[in-house]
Amino acid sequence: MFPPNHVYEGYRIECALTPGDYGIVYIATRISDGERVALKFCTRLNDADAVTRFENENQILHHLHQHPQVIEPLTQIIRPGDGNIYYAMELADLNLEELITGNTPLTDDEKLAIFKQLCEGLKHAHGKTVVHRDLHYRNILVKHTPNPNGIKLTDFGLAKDFQSSIHSLTPQAVWGAGVMPPEMIFRVSDTESLKEYIIGEIYALGFILFWTFTTGVIYLNEIKRSLANHINGLGVTNYYGLPEATRRQHYINWLQNIDPAIETHLDIPLANVARGQQLTAIVKKMCHADTTQRYQTVDEVINAMKGL
């Protein structure tokens, strides 16, 4: 950990943010021009997989760079010779959770504008054959300049680039623990597919839209409980050792027996009732437990949001 005011490689450290799984981010000032930036360091230097994941994240950011809704990498990976590995990137002001739960309430229009920006960022990533695989309101940053509440997708440590095959080393159906789609929990496919992950990300995106307006998590908790009860009730010690066809049938069985009342937790009550009902319908389609009933692309979501 670098202390405040420590000078490192031409940067003056201000403070450290909460460490992640394999890295830590410092807010720093670039001494040459006074620009405030974020410096991300790999903290698991003795773990080859963690170092590769760190390097892959930087490569994916460069593949996606120059889109206003994706955090911009300012350097490639730097190895200064002292054993550290780091890179510099654009600095944001806070994450989406901090913005939504902060002391300054946002209007419904502001929340919709934020979500539409998020959709554009994710559409750009998917168009570049990159899936994030860890969408969550803590992995979405907000930058107030040049535009207020400018959304920035970040934390691509679990991302996969299907064009270059850059990805996390975790095998099969990797997904962050925050908003995991049901089909990923069942692992209905043993073969990673761009389309499969895009549909999964639409599920996570739908929950973020719902949370942005309500900050509620009951739906997510109820889904997780239903899934755990179903899988645990099978009495199988090594569930993921079962054949793919068997797991797919378990997913179908769960869909047929899911409590319909769970979906009611996705209702969005707004003062403008008609808008609330429209948003609720969109969220429920995005978060549908059955992948065939969801929107299949982010473009479909964007089109559904028109006029809201």
Protein backbone atom coordinates (compact mmCIF):
# COMPACT_ATOMS: atom_id res chain seq x y z
CA MET A 1 0.00 0.00 0.00
CA PHE A 2 1.34 3.41 -0.99
CA PRO A 3 0.75 6.21 1.55
CA PRO A 4 -0.80 9.54 0.54
CA ASN A 5 1.61 11.94 -1.22
CA HIS A 6 3.95 9.09 -2.16
CA VAL A 7 5.52 9.77 -5.57
CA TYR A 8 5.67 6.74 -7.87
CA GLU A 9 6.67 6.64 -11.52
CA GLY A 10 5.73 10.25 -12.13
CA TYR A 11 2.47 10.07 -10.20
CA ARG A 12 1.62 11.50 -6.79
CA ILE A 13 -0.60 9.08 -4.87
CA GLU A 14 -3.71 10.57 -3.23
CA CYS A 15 -5.40 7.52 -1.73
CA ALA A 16 -6.22 3.85 -2.26
CA LEU A 17 -9.66 2.49 -3.04
CA THR A 18 -11.05 -0.79 -1.69
CA PRO A 19 -8.95 -3.69 -3.05
CA GLY A 20 -10.54 -6.14 -5.49
CA ASP A 21 -9.94 -9.83 -6.13
CA TYR A 22 -6.57 -9.36 -7.77
CA GLY A 23 -5.88 -5.64 -7.89
CA ILE A 24 -6.00 -2.33 -6.07
CA VAL A 25 -6.74 1.09 -7.53
CA TYR A 26 -5.11 4.32 -6.39
CA ILE A 27 -6.29 7.81 -7.16
CA ALA A 28 -3.23 9.75 -8.26
CA THR A 29 -2.12 12.96 -9.94
CA ARG A 30 0.14 12.79 -12.97
CA ILE A 31 2.88 15.23 -12.05
CA SER A 32 3.73 16.23 -15.63
CA ASP A 33 0.37 17.86 -16.31
CA GLY A 34 -1.67 17.73 -13.09
CA GLU A 35 -4.20 15.25 -14.55
CA ARG A 36 -5.93 13.09 -11.95
CA VAL A 37 -5.99 9.44 -12.97
CA ALA A 38 -6.58 5.97 -11.56
CA LEU A 39 -3.64 3.58 -11.21
CA LYS A 40 -4.52 -0.10 -11.06
CA PHE A 41 -1.93 -2.46 -9.57
CA CYS A 42 -1.94 -6.24 -9.64
CA THR A 43 -1.75 -7.46 -6.04
CA ARG A 44 -1.42 -11.22 -6.62
CA LEU A 45 1.97 -11.14 -8.29
CA ASN A 46 2.80 -14.74 -7.37
CA ASP A 47 -0.39 -16.04 -8.98
CA ALA A 48 0.22 -16.52 -12.71
CA ASP A 49 -3.52 -16.78 -13.44
CA ALA A 50 -4.22 -13.51 -11.62
CA VAL A 51 -1.43 -11.74 -13.52
CA THR A 52 -2.80 -13.05 -16.83
CA ARG A 53 -6.30 -11.90 -15.88
CA PHE A 54 -4.88 -8.46 -15.03
CA GLU A 55 -3.10 -8.27 -18.39
CA ASN A 56 -6.20 -9.46 -20.25
CA GLU A 57 -8.35 -6.78 -18.65
CA ASN A 58 -6.00 -4.10 -19.93
CA GLN A 59 -6.03 -5.59 -23.45
CA ILE A 60 -9.83 -5.73 -23.49
CA LEU A 61 -10.06 -2.09 -22.38
CA HIS A 62 -7.77 -1.12 -25.27
CA HIS A 63 -9.95 -3.14 -27.64
CA LEU A 64 -13.01 -1.19 -26.42
CA HIS A 65 -11.42 2.21 -25.88
CA GLN A 66 -12.61 5.54 -27.23
CA HIS A 67 -16.24 4.85 -26.46
CA PRO A 68 -17.74 7.42 -24.05
CA GLN A 69 -19.41 4.72 -21.94
CA VAL A 70 -16.30 2.55 -21.40
CA ILE A 71 -13.55 3.56 -18.99
CA GLU A 72 -10.50 4.61 -21.00
CA PRO A 73 -7.11 2.92 -20.46
CA LEU A 74 -4.35 5.54 -20.54
CA THR A 75 -1.39 3.15 -20.74
CA GLN A 76 -0.55 -0.41 -21.59
CA ILE A 77 0.68 -2.72 -18.80
CA ILE A 78 3.74 -1.18 -17.13
CA ARG A 79 6.47 -3.20 -15.40
CA PRO A 80 8.80 -0.61 -13.84
CA GLY A 81 11.35 -3.18 -12.64
CA ASP A 82 10.55 -3.09 -8.93
CA GLY A 83 8.25 -6.12 -9.13
CA ASN A 84 5.04 -4.14 -9.57
CA ILE A 85 2.65 -4.44 -12.51
CA TYR A 86 0.20 -1.60 -13.15
CA TYR A 87 -1.53 0.60 -15.68
CA ALA A 88 -3.18 4.01 -15.67
CA MET A 89 -6.78 4.65 -16.64
CA GLU A 90 -9.38 7.38 -16.70
CA LEU A 91 -10.61 8.48 -13.28
CA ALA A 92 -14.33 8.54 -12.49
CA ASP A 93 -16.04 10.21 -9.53
CA LEU A 94 -18.06 7.38 -7.98
CA ASN A 95 -19.92 4.19 -8.83
CA LEU A 96 -23.60 3.82 -9.70
CA GLU A 97 -24.50 2.51 -6.26
CA GLU A 98 -23.00 5.60 -4.62
CA LEU A 99 -24.83 7.87 -7.06
CA ILE A 100 -28.25 6.26 -6.66
CA THR A 101 -28.08 5.93 -2.86
CA GLY A 102 -26.41 9.31 -2.32
CA ASN A 103 -27.85 12.42 -0.74
CA THR A 104 -28.94 14.01 -4.03
CA PRO A 105 -32.05 12.23 -5.40
CA LEU A 106 -32.20 11.74 -9.15
CA THR A 107 -35.30 12.31 -11.23
CA ASP A 108 -36.87 9.49 -13.23
CA ASP A 109 -35.60 11.13 -16.42
CA GLU A 110 -32.04 11.22 -15.06
CA LYS A 111 -32.25 7.53 -14.11
CA LEU A 112 -33.51 6.65 -17.58
CA ALA A 113 -30.70 8.66 -19.19
CA ILE A 114 -28.16 6.77 -17.07
CA PHE A 115 -29.59 3.41 -18.06
CA LYS A 116 -29.67 4.31 -21.75
CA GLN A 117 -25.98 5.26 -21.56
CA LEU A 118 -25.26 1.90 -19.95
CA CYS A 119 -27.08 0.17 -22.80
CA GLU A 120 -24.98 2.03 -25.37
CA GLY A 121 -21.76 1.01 -23.62
CA LEU A 122 -22.80 -2.63 -23.45
CA LYS A 123 -24.00 -2.57 -27.08
CA HIS A 124 -20.55 -1.29 -28.08
CA ALA A 125 -18.85 -4.10 -26.14
CA HIS A 126 -21.08 -6.77 -27.65
CA GLY A 127 -20.45 -5.33 -31.10
CA LYS A 128 -16.75 -5.83 -30.43
CA THR A 129 -17.54 -9.46 -29.37
CA VAL A 130 -16.75 -8.68 -25.73
CA VAL A 131 -18.98 -9.84 -22.89
CA HIS A 132 -18.47 -8.32 -19.44
CA ARG A 133 -19.78 -11.25 -17.34
CA ASP A 134 -19.84 -9.25 -14.11
CA LEU A 135 -22.42 -6.51 -14.59
CA HIS A 136 -23.35 -4.93 -11.28
CA TYR A 137 -24.06 -1.41 -10.07
CA ARG A 138 -20.67 -1.34 -8.31
CA ASN A 139 -18.94 -2.11 -11.62
CA ILE A 140 -20.53 0.90 -13.34
CA LEU A 141 -18.75 4.18 -12.73
CA VAL A 142 -20.05 7.71 -13.00
CA LYS A 143 -18.06 10.70 -14.21
CA HIS A 144 -19.50 14.20 -13.80
CA THR A 145 -17.36 15.89 -16.48
CA PRO A 146 -17.65 16.72 -19.30
CA ASN A 147 -21.26 15.57 -18.88
CA PRO A 148 -23.16 15.17 -15.60
CA ASN A 149 -23.66 11.53 -14.58
CA GLY A 150 -21.66 10.13 -17.50
CA ILE A 151 -21.72 6.34 -17.25
CA LYS A 152 -18.51 4.31 -17.61
CA LEU A 153 -18.37 0.53 -17.82
CA THR A 154 -15.39 -0.82 -15.89
CA ASP A 155 -14.03 -3.92 -14.13
CA PHE A 156 -13.53 -6.19 -17.12
CA GLY A 157 -11.59 -8.75 -15.09
CA LEU A 158 -14.06 -11.54 -15.92
CA ALA A 159 -14.69 -10.37 -19.48
CA LYS A 160 -14.18 -12.46 -22.59
CA ASP A 161 -13.30 -11.22 -26.06
CA PHE A 162 -14.60 -13.80 -28.51
CA GLN A 163 -12.65 -12.24 -31.38
CA SER A 164 -9.21 -12.57 -29.77
CA SER A 165 -10.05 -15.30 -27.23
CA ILE A 166 -8.80 -13.07 -24.40
CA HIS A 167 -10.63 -14.11 -21.27
CA SER A 168 -10.43 -15.00 -17.62
CA LEU A 169 -8.82 -18.36 -16.98
CA THR A 170 -11.80 -19.61 -14.99
CA PRO A 171 -13.33 -22.48 -17.00
CA GLN A 172 -16.94 -22.87 -18.14
CA ALA A 173 -19.75 -20.41 -17.65
CA VAL A 174 -17.69 -17.93 -15.66
CA TRP A 175 -19.81 -15.15 -14.20
CA GLY A 176 -19.47 -12.71 -11.34
CA ALA A 177 -21.46 -13.54 -8.24
CA GLY A 178 -23.43 -10.27 -8.23
CA VAL A 179 -26.26 -10.83 -10.73
CA MET A 180 -25.88 -14.36 -12.10
CA PRO A 181 -28.59 -15.46 -14.56
CA PRO A 182 -30.36 -18.73 -13.69
CA GLU A 183 -29.11 -20.56 -16.78
CA MET A 184 -25.54 -19.80 -15.71
CA ILE A 185 -26.19 -21.34 -12.31
CA PHE A 186 -27.45 -24.49 -14.00
CA ARG A 187 -24.70 -24.20 -16.63
CA VAL A 188 -27.08 -25.28 -19.33
CA SER A 189 -24.22 -25.26 -21.85
CA ASP A 190 -20.70 -26.63 -21.53
CA THR A 191 -19.61 -24.60 -24.55
CA GLU A 192 -19.13 -20.85 -24.12
CA SER A 193 -21.15 -18.91 -26.66
CA LEU A 194 -21.27 -15.19 -27.40
CA LYS A 195 -25.04 -15.30 -27.87
CA GLU A 196 -25.53 -17.18 -24.60
CA TYR A 197 -23.54 -14.61 -22.67
CA ILE A 198 -25.28 -11.66 -24.33
CA ILE A 199 -28.67 -13.04 -23.28
CA GLY A 200 -27.27 -13.56 -19.78
CA GLU A 201 -26.06 -9.97 -19.67
CA ILE A 202 -29.52 -8.75 -20.61
CA TYR A 203 -30.80 -10.48 -17.45
CA ALA A 204 -28.19 -8.62 -15.37
CA LEU A 205 -28.94 -5.38 -17.22
CA GLY A 206 -32.64 -5.75 -16.43
CA PHE A 207 -31.94 -6.12 -12.74
CA ILE A 208 -29.76 -3.00 -12.82
CA LEU A 209 -32.63 -1.06 -14.45
CA PHE A 210 -34.99 -2.29 -11.75
CA TRP A 211 -32.50 -1.52 -8.96
CA THR A 212 -31.81 1.98 -10.35
CA PHE A 213 -35.45 2.89 -9.72
CA THR A 214 -36.07 0.92 -6.52
CA THR A 215 -32.73 -0.15 -4.91
CA GLY A 216 -34.62 -3.36 -4.11
CA VAL A 217 -32.96 -6.79 -4.09
CA ILE A 218 -35.81 -9.04 -2.95
CA TYR A 219 -36.33 -10.45 -6.44
CA LEU A 220 -32.68 -11.41 -6.79
CA ASN A 221 -32.64 -13.02 -3.34
CA GLU A 222 -35.85 -14.95 -4.04
CA ILE A 223 -34.50 -16.25 -7.36
CA LYS A 224 -31.26 -17.35 -5.71
CA ARG A 225 -33.20 -19.09 -2.94
CA SER A 226 -35.45 -20.86 -5.45
CA LEU A 227 -32.45 -22.03 -7.47
CA ALA A 228 -30.55 -23.22 -4.39
CA ASN A 229 -33.57 -25.13 -3.08
CA HIS A 230 -34.10 -26.82 -6.44
CA ILE A 231 -30.47 -27.86 -6.92
CA ASN A 232 -29.97 -28.89 -3.28
CA GLY A 233 -33.18 -30.89 -3.45
CA LEU A 234 -31.67 -33.06 -6.15
CA GLY A 235 -29.27 -34.51 -3.60
CA VAL A 236 -26.32 -34.53 -6.00
CA THR A 237 -22.88 -34.07 -4.45
CA ASN A 238 -21.07 -32.94 -7.62
CA TYR A 239 -23.84 -31.16 -9.51
CA TYR A 240 -21.60 -29.71 -12.22
CA GLY A 241 -20.20 -33.14 -12.89
CA LEU A 242 -23.58 -34.15 -14.31
CA PRO A 243 -23.96 -34.30 -18.11
CA GLU A 244 -25.00 -31.09 -19.85
CA ALA A 245 -28.29 -32.63 -21.03
CA THR A 246 -29.20 -33.52 -17.43
CA ARG A 247 -28.46 -30.01 -16.16
CA ARG A 248 -30.49 -28.53 -19.01
CA GLN A 249 -33.45 -30.71 -18.03
CA HIS A 250 -33.10 -29.55 -14.41
CA TYR A 251 -33.25 -25.95 -15.67
CA ILE A 252 -36.43 -26.74 -17.63
CA ASN A 253 -37.96 -28.46 -14.59
CA TRP A 254 -37.15 -25.45 -12.43
CA LEU A 255 -38.74 -23.09 -14.97
CA GLN A 256 -41.93 -25.15 -14.92
CA ASN A 257 -42.17 -25.02 -11.13
CA ILE A 258 -40.96 -21.52 -10.29
CA ASP A 259 -43.28 -19.56 -8.02
CA PRO A 260 -44.97 -16.90 -10.22
CA ALA A 261 -45.19 -14.60 -7.20
CA ILE A 262 -41.43 -14.01 -7.41
CA GLU A 263 -41.94 -11.91 -10.52
CA THR A 264 -44.11 -9.43 -8.60
CA HIS A 265 -40.97 -8.22 -6.84
CA LEU A 266 -39.94 -6.61 -10.16
CA ASP A 267 -42.79 -4.10 -10.13
CA ILE A 268 -41.62 -0.47 -10.41
CA PRO A 269 -44.01 1.95 -8.69
CA LEU A 270 -43.69 5.47 -10.09
CA ALA A 271 -45.74 8.61 -9.65
CA ASN A 272 -46.27 8.44 -13.40
CA VAL A 273 -48.16 5.13 -13.31
CA ALA A 274 -48.13 4.55 -17.06
CA ARG A 275 -44.35 4.97 -17.20
CA GLY A 276 -43.96 2.68 -14.20
CA GLN A 277 -46.03 0.01 -15.91
CA GLN A 278 -44.00 0.31 -19.12
CA LEU A 279 -40.72 0.03 -17.25
CA THR A 280 -42.00 -2.94 -15.27
CA ALA A 281 -42.95 -4.76 -18.47
CA ILE A 282 -39.49 -4.12 -19.93
CA VAL A 283 -37.72 -5.23 -16.75
CA LYS A 284 -39.77 -8.42 -16.52
CA LYS A 285 -38.91 -9.33 -20.10
CA MET A 286 -35.22 -8.63 -19.49
CA CYS A 287 -35.19 -10.63 -16.26
CA HIS A 288 -37.33 -13.49 -17.48
CA ALA A 289 -36.03 -16.76 -16.04
CA ASP A 290 -36.52 -18.43 -19.43
CA THR A 291 -33.82 -17.29 -21.86
CA THR A 292 -36.15 -17.73 -24.84
CA GLN A 293 -38.55 -15.14 -23.40
CA ARG A 294 -35.96 -12.40 -22.90
CA TYR A 295 -34.83 -9.69 -25.26
CA GLN A 296 -32.05 -11.29 -27.28
CA THR A 297 -29.89 -8.22 -27.92
CA VAL A 298 -29.22 -4.86 -26.27
CA ASP A 299 -30.58 -3.21 -29.43
CA GLU A 300 -33.97 -4.77 -28.64
CA VAL A 301 -33.80 -3.24 -25.16
CA ILE A 302 -32.86 0.17 -26.58
CA ASN A 303 -35.81 0.05 -28.98
CA ALA A 304 -38.17 -0.93 -26.15
CA MET A 305 -36.98 2.08 -24.15
CA LYS A 306 -37.81 4.59 -26.90
CA GLY A 307 -40.45 7.06 -25.86
CA LEU A 308 -39.89 6.58 -22.15
